Amino acid sequence: MNKIYIISSILLAGFMTSCYDLDTAPMSNVITENQRDEIFEKDPASLDALSSGVYYNYKGFELCTGSMYDFGYPGLMLQLDSRTADFLSANADDYGWFASPAEYLDNTSSNGYNIIRWRLPYNTIYTANQVLSNIDPETTDDLLKNYRAQAYGNRAFSYWVLAQLFQFTYVGNEDKMCVPIITEKNEEEVTMNGAPRAAVKDVYELILSDLNTGIELMTGNSTTRSDKRYIDINVLYGLRARVYLTMQQYANAAADAQRVIDSKAFTPLSAREALLPGFIDINSPNWMWGIYIATEDVYGLYTLSGMMGSYTYGYAYAGMWKCINSNLFSQINDNDARKLWWISPNGTSNAMYYTAADGDAVAYLQENGFPPYAVTKFAPYGNVLGQSNNEADIPLMRIEEMYLILAEAQGLGGDLAAGKTTLENFVNNYRWLARSNPYRSTSTNADEFIDEVWFQRRVELWGEGLSYFDILRLKKPVDRTNSNWSNQDYGMEPYVYYIEPDNPVLIMQIPQSEIDNNPQIPESDQNTPGVAS
């Protein structure tokens, strides 16, 4: 047992202690290729550790910059949400966490937030490549095929994130420079000679190839995942549905979303369940994929829960409340259970229905001075109010998103009536409290329907790191005007912007360290930084 532990630790040390950049030495600098092959032959458990190590990138602390806001993918989710109009971090300047993204000063080549956006996905790509390099692609073993499928899925997800952040959305920009492509097949060459920025269409071709291969490897596979931190075939279909939606391949997006729904492996929250705080448990029946946070993964307040939770002891407790845009909130119907995910101007919230383990949730919010529009969507660990233990899992994909993808893809793919029916059924069956007065879609054309589905996504997926991708995908402006962004009680008046969808400030610059060390990305290939106004 000690031998397994030591070998696995040595094997993983090269990529679990620091983020991977294109100029970073490959695995052969940790152990030689012959040593590596010998390890896997004599000790298959180390291969399991290597495969599981891919997921460490999602929750690792201070892996990319050594900064307190560097706490894995949840930190990246907060960065991106802070760039939207719908998500307001009150008094962000008091402590400075995520103020730079809110101010749009974070997309430059030297900014730490931006460096995380580059290095974190590439670190996951690097570790996924190691799995693929160390398993025979011709293997017939179901477990090994499953490892390969997970690696393809993680790599595809990482490139999907990179592609959207470092170039404008797919449609209309297919031939523009995106990000370098590194796979297990060219990694050694890239390490020696660098890699150019590939075209957007080429990156998406790789993404789809990876997802298609992963699905093929998992189809009919007898291996099942032990928990939802690991990718399975439904997650692969869900990821491919996202990608097809981004590419406006609506028929394919609808088909994949429908496959996941038809699997009946996941159940949306009911309207009554949605009345209560939650969204912290990976075992929830509506979660498809998430980040499992154990006790050893918690670093004080530097977690999504520590930054986000109004029911926990954290930065919200100290005045950095995470709030919804007042304009968006005002559009949520009173019959919608989700309206109680935030504190209304008259003080109502899901605290009215919430039985905490140690006190009155309504009184707790009042005593701590939480303002209107502060989020109450996320429960505290153990249902203990003022909880300082931020051991809360992070949702990466929920079944509710599949219903919204299906509705959008149907409506924009030429069947508006089907899209409206899917949207109405989802809202009425799972979010609506008034059966006698059901929700009805009012859209009369595709353009109106885009905004209707977008509204539902803005409400349903608020705070889950997807809103910024929707802004880019749908080419929507960032409009913080005429809202609580301008209210001095929230301390965010300097960041009241209206940003057009084509403003270069919405995409990121390539980190300077990458340009300095990658001979195939000259300064002339750098993105324009843009200016928020």
Protein backbone atom coordinates (compact mmCIF):
# COMPACT_ATOMS: atom_id res chain seq x y z
CA MET A 1 0.00 0.00 0.00
CA ASN A 2 2.83 2.41 0.83
CA LYS A 3 4.46 1.67 -2.51
CA ILE A 4 1.24 2.53 -4.37
CA TYR A 5 0.86 5.76 -2.47
CA ILE A 6 4.43 6.90 -3.05
CA ILE A 7 4.47 6.06 -6.75
CA SER A 8 1.11 7.73 -7.32
CA SER A 9 2.21 10.83 -5.44
CA ILE A 10 5.39 11.13 -7.48
CA LEU A 11 3.49 10.60 -10.69
CA LEU A 12 0.92 13.26 -9.90
CA ALA A 13 3.27 15.79 -8.35
CA GLY A 14 4.25 17.26 -11.70
CA PHE A 15 0.77 18.56 -12.45
CA MET A 16 -1.13 18.70 -9.14
CA THR A 17 1.09 21.36 -7.58
CA SER A 18 1.17 23.95 -10.35
CA CYS A 19 -0.76 25.04 -13.41
CA TYR A 20 0.33 24.01 -16.87
CA ASP A 21 1.36 26.66 -19.38
CA LEU A 22 2.46 25.93 -22.94
CA ASP A 23 6.06 26.60 -21.97
CA THR A 24 5.95 24.11 -19.09
CA ALA A 25 8.08 20.99 -19.41
CA PRO A 26 6.14 17.78 -20.12
CA MET A 27 5.72 14.80 -17.88
CA SER A 28 9.06 13.35 -18.99
CA ASN A 29 10.79 15.85 -16.74
CA VAL A 30 9.11 14.21 -13.73
CA ILE A 31 9.78 10.60 -14.71
CA THR A 32 11.08 9.09 -17.92
CA GLU A 33 8.73 7.46 -20.41
CA ASN A 34 10.15 4.01 -19.65
CA GLN A 35 9.73 4.58 -15.92
CA ARG A 36 6.17 5.72 -16.50
CA ASP A 37 5.29 2.63 -18.54
CA GLU A 38 6.83 0.38 -15.91
CA ILE A 39 4.78 2.04 -13.19
CA PHE A 40 1.50 1.47 -15.02
CA GLU A 41 2.38 -2.12 -15.88
CA LYS A 42 3.30 -3.04 -12.30
CA ASP A 43 0.81 -0.84 -10.52
CA PRO A 44 -2.54 -0.21 -12.28
CA ALA A 45 -3.73 1.75 -9.24
CA SER A 46 -1.48 4.60 -10.32
CA LEU A 47 -3.47 4.88 -13.56
CA ASP A 48 -6.63 5.28 -11.51
CA ALA A 49 -4.89 8.04 -9.55
CA LEU A 50 -3.81 9.70 -12.80
CA SER A 51 -7.36 9.66 -14.15
CA SER A 52 -8.83 10.94 -10.89
CA GLY A 53 -6.14 13.63 -10.79
CA VAL A 54 -7.74 15.35 -13.79
CA TYR A 55 -10.56 16.46 -11.52
CA TYR A 56 -8.19 17.96 -8.95
CA ASN A 57 -7.78 20.94 -11.25
CA TYR A 58 -11.44 21.87 -10.75
CA LYS A 59 -11.01 22.48 -7.02
CA GLY A 60 -7.29 23.06 -6.43
CA PHE A 61 -6.32 26.04 -4.26
CA GLU A 62 -3.70 28.56 -5.46
CA LEU A 63 -2.62 26.35 -8.35
CA CYS A 64 -2.32 29.04 -11.01
CA THR A 65 -1.32 32.32 -9.40
CA GLY A 66 -0.99 31.74 -5.66
CA SER A 67 -3.76 34.27 -5.05
CA MET A 68 -6.65 33.83 -2.64
CA TYR A 69 -9.15 34.13 -5.50
CA ASP A 70 -7.41 31.22 -7.20
CA PHE A 71 -9.57 28.36 -5.90
CA GLY A 72 -10.18 26.33 -9.03
CA TYR A 73 -13.12 26.42 -11.40
CA PRO A 74 -15.52 27.91 -8.79
CA GLY A 75 -13.26 30.97 -8.68
CA LEU A 76 -13.42 31.18 -12.47
CA MET A 77 -17.23 30.96 -12.26
CA LEU A 78 -17.28 33.93 -9.90
CA GLN A 79 -14.96 35.90 -12.18
CA LEU A 80 -17.24 35.45 -15.15
CA ASP A 81 -20.47 36.11 -13.27
CA SER A 82 -18.90 39.34 -11.97
CA ARG A 83 -18.48 40.48 -15.56
CA THR A 84 -22.23 40.33 -16.22
CA ALA A 85 -24.99 42.80 -15.39
CA ASP A 86 -27.14 40.22 -13.58
CA PHE A 87 -24.63 39.46 -10.81
CA LEU A 88 -23.63 42.27 -8.44
CA SER A 89 -21.03 41.83 -5.71
CA ALA A 90 -21.85 44.69 -3.35
CA ASN A 91 -18.97 46.74 -1.94
CA ALA A 92 -16.49 44.67 -3.93
CA ASP A 93 -13.77 47.27 -3.37
CA ASP A 94 -13.85 46.74 0.41
CA TYR A 95 -11.83 43.53 0.14
CA GLY A 96 -11.06 43.62 -3.55
CA TRP A 97 -12.17 40.08 -4.37
CA PHE A 98 -13.52 40.02 -7.93
CA ALA A 99 -13.62 43.82 -8.17
CA SER A 100 -11.27 43.69 -11.15
CA PRO A 101 -13.64 41.51 -13.22
CA ALA A 102 -16.58 43.76 -12.28
CA GLU A 103 -14.59 46.78 -13.45
CA TYR A 104 -13.42 45.03 -16.65
CA LEU A 105 -9.77 45.55 -15.78
CA ASP A 106 -9.13 41.82 -15.69
CA ASN A 107 -8.76 40.93 -19.36
CA THR A 108 -5.22 42.25 -19.88
CA SER A 109 -2.20 40.07 -20.55
CA SER A 110 -0.75 40.45 -17.04
CA ASN A 111 -3.88 40.34 -14.88
CA GLY A 112 -4.03 37.45 -12.40
CA TYR A 113 -7.69 36.68 -13.03
CA ASN A 114 -6.98 36.38 -16.73
CA ILE A 115 -3.95 34.17 -16.15
CA ILE A 116 -6.22 31.74 -14.25
CA ARG A 117 -8.65 31.66 -17.19
CA TRP A 118 -5.80 30.52 -19.42
CA ARG A 119 -3.85 28.23 -17.15
CA LEU A 120 -6.67 26.40 -15.40
CA PRO A 121 -8.21 24.94 -18.58
CA TYR A 122 -4.79 24.17 -20.03
CA ASN A 123 -3.83 22.40 -16.82
CA THR A 124 -6.90 20.19 -17.22
CA ILE A 125 -6.02 19.63 -20.88
CA TYR A 126 -2.50 18.62 -19.90
CA THR A 127 -3.64 16.09 -17.32
CA ALA A 128 -6.28 14.72 -19.71
CA ASN A 129 -3.57 14.31 -22.34
CA GLN A 130 -1.50 12.27 -19.87
CA VAL A 131 -4.39 9.86 -19.39
CA LEU A 132 -4.77 9.47 -23.14
CA SER A 133 -1.03 9.02 -23.60
CA ASN A 134 -0.89 6.22 -21.06
CA ILE A 135 -3.83 4.10 -22.20
CA ASP A 136 -3.68 2.12 -25.42
CA PRO A 137 -6.32 3.62 -27.75
CA GLU A 138 -7.07 0.06 -28.95
CA THR A 139 -7.84 -1.22 -25.47
CA THR A 140 -10.96 -3.39 -25.11
CA ASP A 141 -11.07 -3.08 -21.32
CA ASP A 142 -14.22 -1.18 -20.28
CA LEU A 143 -12.56 0.54 -17.32
CA LEU A 144 -9.69 1.82 -19.45
CA LYS A 145 -12.11 2.92 -22.17
CA ASN A 146 -14.04 4.79 -19.50
CA TYR A 147 -10.87 6.57 -18.36
CA ARG A 148 -10.20 7.62 -21.93
CA ALA A 149 -13.77 8.84 -22.39
CA GLN A 150 -13.55 10.97 -19.25
CA ALA A 151 -10.28 12.46 -20.45
CA TYR A 152 -11.84 13.38 -23.79
CA GLY A 153 -14.80 14.96 -22.00
CA ASN A 154 -12.66 17.03 -19.67
CA ARG A 155 -10.46 18.17 -22.53
CA ALA A 156 -13.49 19.14 -24.63
CA PHE A 157 -15.01 21.13 -21.77
CA SER A 158 -11.73 22.97 -21.20
CA TYR A 159 -11.39 23.92 -24.86
CA TRP A 160 -15.04 25.05 -24.92
CA VAL A 161 -14.27 27.43 -22.04
CA LEU A 162 -11.06 28.70 -23.64
CA ALA A 163 -12.63 29.17 -27.06
CA GLN A 164 -15.35 31.44 -25.70
CA LEU A 165 -13.07 33.54 -23.52
CA PHE A 166 -10.23 34.21 -25.96
CA GLN A 167 -12.26 34.85 -29.10
CA PHE A 168 -15.79 35.94 -29.90
CA THR A 169 -18.47 33.31 -30.31
CA TYR A 170 -18.38 30.65 -33.01
CA VAL A 171 -20.90 31.95 -35.56
CA GLY A 172 -19.38 34.73 -37.66
CA ASN A 173 -15.89 34.21 -36.23
CA GLU A 174 -15.07 30.72 -37.46
CA ASP A 175 -11.81 31.75 -39.15
CA LYS A 176 -10.50 34.07 -36.42
CA MET A 177 -7.59 33.15 -34.18
CA CYS A 178 -8.62 31.28 -31.06
CA VAL A 179 -6.27 29.28 -28.80
CA PRO A 180 -3.45 26.79 -29.40
CA ILE A 181 -4.44 23.15 -29.77
CA ILE A 182 -2.47 20.67 -27.67
CA THR A 183 -3.31 16.98 -27.65
CA GLU A 184 -1.52 13.83 -26.57
CA LYS A 185 -0.35 13.51 -30.17
CA ASN A 186 1.47 16.85 -30.55
CA GLU A 187 2.37 17.70 -26.95
CA GLU A 188 6.07 16.90 -27.31
CA GLU A 189 6.32 19.00 -30.48
CA VAL A 190 4.49 21.89 -28.80
CA THR A 191 6.83 21.78 -25.83
CA MET A 192 9.82 22.08 -28.11
CA ASN A 193 8.53 24.54 -30.70
CA GLY A 194 5.34 26.13 -29.36
CA ALA A 195 1.98 26.24 -31.11
CA PRO A 196 0.08 28.95 -33.00
CA ARG A 197 -3.41 30.15 -32.21
CA ALA A 198 -5.71 27.78 -34.08
CA ALA A 199 -8.82 29.02 -35.87
CA VAL A 200 -12.09 28.97 -33.96
CA LYS A 201 -13.51 26.33 -36.33
CA ASP A 202 -10.52 24.05 -35.73
CA VAL A 203 -10.88 24.27 -31.96
CA TYR A 204 -14.56 23.40 -32.20
CA GLU A 205 -13.74 20.53 -34.56
CA LEU A 206 -11.47 19.11 -31.85
CA ILE A 207 -14.12 19.68 -29.17
CA LEU A 208 -16.74 17.76 -31.13
CA SER A 209 -14.25 15.03 -32.05
CA ASP A 210 -13.37 14.55 -28.38
CA LEU A 211 -17.02 14.42 -27.31
CA ASN A 212 -17.95 12.05 -30.13
CA THR A 213 -15.08 9.74 -29.25
CA GLY A 214 -15.95 9.87 -25.56
CA ILE A 215 -19.57 8.98 -26.28
CA GLU A 216 -18.48 6.08 -28.49
CA LEU A 217 -16.20 4.76 -25.73
CA MET A 218 -18.95 4.97 -23.11
CA THR A 219 -21.78 3.56 -25.23
CA GLY A 220 -22.46 0.04 -23.97
CA ASN A 221 -19.68 0.37 -21.41
CA SER A 222 -20.27 -1.66 -18.25
CA THR A 223 -18.34 0.79 -16.05
CA THR A 224 -20.37 3.20 -13.91
CA ARG A 225 -19.17 6.27 -12.06
CA SER A 226 -18.88 6.18 -8.29
CA ASP A 227 -20.22 9.71 -7.92
CA LYS A 228 -21.13 12.77 -9.96
CA ARG A 229 -17.72 14.42 -9.87
CA TYR A 230 -16.84 12.08 -12.75
CA ILE A 231 -18.07 12.50 -16.31
CA ASP A 232 -20.48 9.86 -17.63
CA ILE A 233 -22.25 9.46 -20.96
CA ASN A 234 -25.09 11.82 -20.01
CA VAL A 235 -22.61 14.54 -19.13
CA LEU A 236 -20.94 13.99 -22.51
CA TYR A 237 -24.30 14.41 -24.23
CA GLY A 238 -24.95 17.50 -22.10
CA LEU A 239 -21.59 19.00 -23.02
CA ARG A 240 -22.20 18.28 -26.69
CA ALA A 241 -25.63 19.92 -26.43
CA ARG A 242 -23.93 23.05 -25.07
CA VAL A 243 -21.40 23.02 -27.88
CA TYR A 244 -24.01 22.52 -30.60
CA LEU A 245 -26.06 25.37 -29.11
CA THR A 246 -22.98 27.61 -29.22
CA MET A 247 -22.48 26.65 -32.87
CA GLN A 248 -26.19 27.21 -33.64
CA GLN A 249 -26.56 23.61 -34.77
CA TYR A 250 -29.99 23.50 -33.24
CA ALA A 251 -31.23 20.10 -34.39
CA ASN A 252 -28.15 18.42 -32.91
CA ALA A 253 -28.42 20.45 -29.67
CA ALA A 254 -32.08 19.47 -29.28
CA ALA A 255 -31.33 15.80 -29.94
CA ASP A 256 -28.60 15.63 -27.28
CA ALA A 257 -30.63 17.51 -24.67
CA GLN A 258 -33.57 15.20 -25.36
CA ARG A 259 -31.32 12.13 -24.94
CA VAL A 260 -30.36 13.26 -21.45
CA ILE A 261 -33.96 14.04 -20.48
CA ASP A 262 -35.16 10.70 -21.86
CA SER A 263 -32.51 8.83 -19.84
CA LYS A 264 -34.57 9.66 -16.73
CA ALA A 265 -31.33 9.56 -14.75
CA PHE A 266 -32.01 13.00 -13.27
CA THR A 267 -35.10 14.74 -11.93
CA PRO A 268 -35.62 18.52 -11.87
CA LEU A 269 -36.42 20.19 -8.59
CA SER A 270 -40.13 20.58 -8.07
CA ALA A 271 -41.57 24.04 -7.48
CA ARG A 272 -41.95 23.24 -3.79
CA GLU A 273 -38.37 22.01 -3.56
CA ALA A 274 -37.20 25.13 -5.36
CA LEU A 275 -38.70 27.23 -2.57
CA LEU A 276 -35.86 26.16 -0.28
CA PRO A 277 -32.14 27.00 -0.28
CA GLY A 278 -29.95 24.28 -1.75
CA PHE A 279 -27.44 23.86 -4.59
CA ILE A 280 -24.61 22.56 -2.39
CA ASP A 281 -25.00 18.76 -2.62
CA ILE A 282 -23.57 16.78 -5.52
CA ASN A 283 -25.99 13.95 -4.73
CA SER A 284 -29.03 16.08 -5.53
CA PRO A 285 -31.21 14.24 -8.08
CA ASN A 286 -31.19 17.23 -10.46
CA TRP A 287 -27.38 17.47 -10.63
CA MET A 288 -25.71 15.82 -13.62
CA TRP A 289 -22.12 16.83 -12.87
CA GLY A 290 -20.44 18.77 -10.09
CA ILE A 291 -17.32 19.50 -8.11
CA TYR A 292 -17.15 17.49 -4.91
CA ILE A 293 -15.75 19.57 -2.05
CA ALA A 294 -14.43 17.60 0.92
CA THR A 295 -13.19 18.99 4.23
CA GLU A 296 -9.59 19.02 3.01
CA ASP A 297 -10.63 21.09 -0.02
CA VAL A 298 -11.90 24.01 2.08
CA TYR A 299 -9.51 26.92 2.62
CA GLY A 300 -11.34 29.23 5.00
CA LEU A 301 -13.54 31.71 3.18
CA TYR A 302 -11.86 31.19 -0.18
CA THR A 303 -14.53 29.01 -1.72
CA LEU A 304 -17.67 29.64 -3.74
CA SER A 305 -19.75 29.26 -0.58
CA GLY A 306 -17.50 31.62 1.38
CA MET A 307 -17.83 34.26 -1.29
CA MET A 308 -21.48 33.65 -2.21
CA GLY A 309 -23.55 32.39 0.69
CA SER A 310 -25.84 34.80 2.52
CA TYR A 311 -26.63 32.09 5.08
CA THR A 312 -22.96 31.37 5.81
CA TYR A 313 -20.18 33.22 7.56
CA GLY A 314 -18.17 34.71 4.72
CA TYR A 315 -17.66 37.82 2.67
CA ALA A 316 -21.39 38.35 2.19
CA TYR A 317 -21.69 38.41 5.97
CA ALA A 318 -18.98 41.11 5.94
CA GLY A 319 -20.90 43.30 3.45
CA MET A 320 -19.94 41.87 0.05
CA TRP A 321 -23.45 40.56 -0.61
CA LYS A 322 -23.95 38.80 -3.91
CA CYS A 323 -27.06 40.32 -5.43
CA ILE A 324 -29.25 39.99 -8.50
CA ASN A 325 -29.80 42.94 -10.83
CA SER A 326 -32.94 44.71 -9.63
CA ASN A 327 -34.29 44.99 -13.19
CA LEU A 328 -34.01 41.25 -13.72
CA PHE A 329 -35.59 40.56 -10.33
CA SER A 330 -38.54 42.81 -11.08
CA GLN A 331 -39.34 40.72 -14.17
CA ILE A 332 -39.69 37.48 -12.19
CA ASN A 333 -43.36 36.63 -11.72
CA ASP A 334 -44.63 36.33 -8.15
CA ASN A 335 -45.91 32.83 -9.05
CA ASP A 336 -42.35 31.72 -9.83
CA ALA A 337 -40.77 29.85 -6.91
CA ARG A 338 -37.35 31.15 -7.94
CA LYS A 339 -38.26 34.70 -6.97
CA LEU A 340 -37.56 33.64 -3.39
CA TRP A 341 -33.94 32.85 -4.28
CA TRP A 342 -33.26 36.51 -3.48
CA ILE A 343 -34.45 38.95 -0.83
CA SER A 344 -37.19 41.18 -2.21
CA PRO A 345 -37.43 44.92 -1.42
CA ASN A 346 -40.18 44.09 1.11
CA GLY A 347 -37.99 41.44 2.80
CA THR A 348 -39.50 38.20 1.52
CA SER A 349 -37.23 35.30 0.55
CA ASN A 350 -36.99 31.54 0.90
CA ALA A 351 -36.09 32.12 4.56
CA MET A 352 -39.85 32.07 5.19
CA TYR A 353 -39.94 28.36 4.24
CA TYR A 354 -36.51 27.36 5.48
CA THR A 355 -36.13 25.39 8.70
CA ALA A 356 -32.50 25.82 9.67
CA ALA A 357 -30.82 23.53 12.19
CA ASP A 358 -30.02 26.28 14.67
CA GLY A 359 -32.40 29.22 14.42
CA ASP A 360 -34.82 31.45 12.55
CA ALA A 361 -33.57 32.13 9.02
CA VAL A 362 -35.76 35.24 8.62
CA ALA A 363 -34.39 36.74 11.83
CA TYR A 364 -30.84 35.80 10.83
CA LEU A 365 -31.06 37.75 7.59
CA GLN A 366 -32.64 40.75 9.30
CA GLU A 367 -30.09 40.79 12.12
CA ASN A 368 -27.19 40.71 9.69
CA GLY A 369 -28.52 43.52 7.55
CA PHE A 370 -28.73 41.70 4.26
CA PRO A 371 -30.07 44.14 1.66
CA PRO A 372 -32.75 43.75 -0.99
CA TYR A 373 -31.73 41.51 -3.91
CA ALA A 374 -29.12 39.54 -1.89
CA VAL A 375 -29.04 35.87 -2.90
CA THR A 376 -30.53 33.17 -0.67
CA LYS A 377 -30.37 30.42 -3.30
CA PHE A 378 -27.47 28.58 -1.66
CA ALA A 379 -27.90 26.73 1.64
CA PRO A 380 -25.24 26.62 4.37
CA TYR A 381 -23.44 23.38 5.10
CA GLY A 382 -25.45 21.24 7.50
CA ASN A 383 -28.23 23.84 7.45
CA VAL A 384 -26.39 25.73 10.18
CA LEU A 385 -26.88 29.50 9.91
CA GLY A 386 -23.68 31.52 9.99
CA GLN A 387 -21.80 28.34 9.11
CA SER A 388 -18.03 28.91 8.83
CA ASN A 389 -17.48 25.48 7.26
CA ASN A 390 -17.76 26.13 3.51
CA GLU A 391 -17.79 22.46 2.53
CA ALA A 392 -20.32 22.96 -0.27
CA ASP A 393 -20.27 21.10 -3.59
CA ILE A 394 -20.42 23.10 -6.83
CA PRO A 395 -22.89 22.44 -9.66
CA LEU A 396 -21.35 22.19 -13.13
CA MET A 397 -24.41 20.86 -14.97
CA ARG A 398 -28.04 20.34 -13.94
CA ILE A 399 -30.88 18.62 -15.75
CA GLU A 400 -32.85 21.89 -15.78
CA GLU A 401 -30.32 23.28 -18.26
CA MET A 402 -31.15 20.47 -20.68
CA TYR A 403 -34.82 21.51 -20.77
CA LEU A 404 -33.79 25.09 -21.53
CA ILE A 405 -31.35 23.97 -24.25
CA LEU A 406 -34.10 21.82 -25.75
CA ALA A 407 -36.59 24.71 -25.77
CA GLU A 408 -34.13 27.16 -27.32
CA ALA A 409 -32.92 24.69 -29.92
CA GLN A 410 -36.46 23.79 -30.95
CA GLY A 411 -37.62 27.39 -31.12
CA LEU A 412 -34.61 28.70 -33.03
CA GLY A 413 -34.34 25.58 -35.17
CA GLY A 414 -37.58 26.28 -36.98
CA ASP A 415 -40.25 24.88 -34.65
CA LEU A 416 -41.30 27.84 -32.52
CA ALA A 417 -44.45 26.08 -31.32
CA ALA A 418 -42.45 23.11 -29.98
CA GLY A 419 -39.97 25.41 -28.28
CA LYS A 420 -42.74 27.37 -26.59
CA THR A 421 -44.43 24.17 -25.41
CA THR A 422 -41.17 22.81 -23.96
CA LEU A 423 -40.51 26.09 -22.16
CA GLU A 424 -44.05 26.35 -20.81
CA ASN A 425 -44.01 22.74 -19.62
CA PHE A 426 -40.70 23.18 -17.85
CA VAL A 427 -41.74 26.35 -16.02
CA ASN A 428 -45.24 25.11 -15.15
CA ASN A 429 -44.15 21.64 -14.06
CA TYR A 430 -41.08 22.62 -12.06
CA ARG A 431 -41.07 26.32 -11.12
CA TRP A 432 -44.65 27.63 -11.07
CA LEU A 433 -46.71 27.84 -7.90
CA ALA A 434 -50.12 28.82 -9.37
CA ARG A 435 -51.66 25.92 -11.27
CA SER A 436 -54.81 27.95 -11.95
CA ASN A 437 -52.79 30.71 -13.59
CA PRO A 438 -50.08 28.93 -15.62
CA TYR A 439 -47.10 30.45 -17.33
CA ARG A 440 -47.60 31.19 -21.01
CA SER A 441 -44.98 32.02 -23.60
CA THR A 442 -45.79 35.31 -25.33
CA SER A 443 -43.26 35.05 -28.14
CA THR A 444 -44.52 35.46 -31.69
CA ASN A 445 -41.19 35.02 -33.48
CA ALA A 446 -37.69 33.60 -32.99
CA ASP A 447 -36.15 36.89 -31.87
CA GLU A 448 -38.68 37.27 -29.08
CA PHE A 449 -38.22 33.64 -28.12
CA ILE A 450 -34.44 34.08 -27.79
CA ASP A 451 -35.03 36.72 -25.13
CA GLU A 452 -37.69 34.64 -23.41
CA VAL A 453 -35.44 31.60 -23.05
CA TRP A 454 -32.49 33.81 -22.14
CA PHE A 455 -34.55 35.30 -19.32
CA GLN A 456 -35.29 31.82 -18.00
CA ARG A 457 -31.60 30.90 -18.18
CA ARG A 458 -30.61 34.14 -16.42
CA VAL A 459 -32.91 33.28 -13.52
CA GLU A 460 -32.46 29.49 -13.36
CA LEU A 461 -28.67 29.40 -13.73
CA TRP A 462 -27.84 32.59 -11.80
CA GLY A 463 -24.58 32.24 -9.88
CA GLU A 464 -23.56 29.00 -11.61
CA GLY A 465 -20.95 30.41 -13.98
CA LEU A 466 -22.87 30.13 -17.26
CA SER A 467 -24.36 33.61 -17.69
CA TYR A 468 -21.28 35.14 -19.28
CA PHE A 469 -21.13 32.43 -21.93
CA ASP A 470 -24.77 33.21 -22.78
CA ILE A 471 -23.96 36.91 -23.24
CA LEU A 472 -21.20 36.03 -25.68
CA ARG A 473 -23.15 33.27 -27.44
CA LEU A 474 -26.28 35.40 -27.93
CA LYS A 475 -24.34 38.59 -28.63
CA LYS A 476 -26.12 40.52 -25.90
CA PRO A 477 -24.94 43.81 -24.37
CA VAL A 478 -23.96 44.13 -20.72
CA ASP A 479 -26.44 46.69 -19.38
CA ARG A 480 -25.95 47.82 -15.79
CA THR A 481 -27.80 51.10 -16.19
CA ASN A 482 -31.03 52.01 -14.36
CA SER A 483 -30.62 49.29 -11.73
CA ASN A 484 -29.26 48.69 -8.25
CA TRP A 485 -25.77 48.95 -9.75
CA SER A 486 -26.36 52.71 -9.49
CA ASN A 487 -27.57 52.58 -5.88
CA GLN A 488 -24.90 53.94 -3.55
CA ASP A 489 -25.92 51.44 -0.85
CA TYR A 490 -24.24 48.73 -2.95
CA GLY A 491 -21.06 50.69 -3.56
CA MET A 492 -20.78 49.76 -7.24
CA GLU A 493 -21.66 53.06 -8.95
CA PRO A 494 -18.23 53.37 -10.65
CA TYR A 495 -18.91 50.14 -12.54
CA VAL A 496 -22.19 51.11 -14.18
CA TYR A 497 -21.47 50.27 -17.83
CA TYR A 498 -23.35 49.63 -21.02
CA ILE A 499 -21.09 47.44 -23.13
CA GLU A 500 -21.94 46.57 -26.71
CA PRO A 501 -21.68 42.89 -27.73
CA ASP A 502 -18.74 43.52 -30.08
CA ASN A 503 -16.60 45.44 -27.58
CA PRO A 504 -13.15 43.75 -27.38
CA VAL A 505 -13.23 44.16 -23.59
CA LEU A 506 -15.54 41.13 -23.51
CA ILE A 507 -12.79 38.72 -24.59
CA MET A 508 -9.41 38.17 -23.00
CA GLN A 509 -5.83 38.85 -23.96
CA ILE A 510 -3.37 35.98 -24.23
CA PRO A 511 -1.20 36.05 -21.06
CA GLN A 512 2.11 37.78 -21.66
CA SER A 513 4.01 34.80 -20.24
CA GLU A 514 2.56 32.69 -23.02
CA ILE A 515 3.61 35.12 -25.73
CA ASP A 516 7.08 35.43 -24.21
CA ASN A 517 7.60 31.66 -24.21
CA ASN A 518 5.65 30.51 -27.24
CA PRO A 519 7.56 31.46 -30.43
CA GLN A 520 4.47 30.82 -32.56
CA ILE A 521 2.33 33.51 -30.92
CA PRO A 522 3.86 36.90 -31.75
CA GLU A 523 2.69 40.16 -30.21
CA SER A 524 0.86 40.89 -33.46
CA ASP A 525 -1.48 37.97 -32.69
CA GLN A 526 -2.54 39.46 -29.36
CA ASN A 527 -6.20 40.37 -28.78
CA THR A 528 -7.11 44.03 -28.45
CA PRO A 529 -7.83 44.76 -24.75
CA GLY A 530 -10.87 47.03 -25.24
CA VAL A 531 -12.28 49.54 -22.76
CA ALA A 532 -15.46 49.40 -20.68
CA SER A 533 -17.57 52.54 -20.66
